[in-house]
Amino acid sequence: MANVLQGLMARLRDLVHVETVAILLRSDDEREFAMQAAIGLEGEVDAKIRVPFDQGVAGRIAAHGAPVIVDDLTTVDVYSPLLRESGIRSLLGAPLLVEGRVVGVLHVGSLRARRFTKDDAQLLGVVADRVALALSQSRLYEAERSARERAARLAPEPQTTPGQIPGGVRIPYPAPLSP
């Protein structure tokens, strides 16, 4: 899945003409976002930055539940100092929604002052919907694969062979018909 996300983020970066793209996912305890993947903000991924759900730009995007345009990043609260230090001037973000529930945030950033348009926001919203769907499907697949592996480990070994029932009684098979 990581390769798919990196490829998608690279295409998005080129399409929207930005320098940074980031995907933050909600933690298992649902109290914070963790940087999952990024282009241009790899330091935040490496530093394992976690942002409380109700704080910073990611929290604002999640609370809004729709794409958010930030024309001037210096005018809003930023939780991670690395985001501020990255030099991003303008940012556009959208929530990752699965069945109406925010599971993460996708944002793109420009190192120069920029006014993102409603068309940019709409495009990012569509991409965010696709990313959320892909992540959801990936998690379902991994959960199902894990459950199958666990069931296989816990399942008792068969004690019977074809033609036998427990207790050792042999069940005769009918003789093959001969022409």
Foldseek 3Di string as FASTA:
>chain_A
DQVVVVVLQVVLCVVQVAQKKWKWFQDPVRQWTWTDDMGLLVVSNVVRDIGGCCDAPFVVQQVVQAKDKAQANVVGGHDDVSVVVSQFGIKIKHFQDDPRHGGIMMMTTHNDRDGDDVVSRVVRHVVSPVVSVVVVVVVVVVVVVVVVVVCVVPDDDDPDDPQADPPGDGHDDDDDDDD
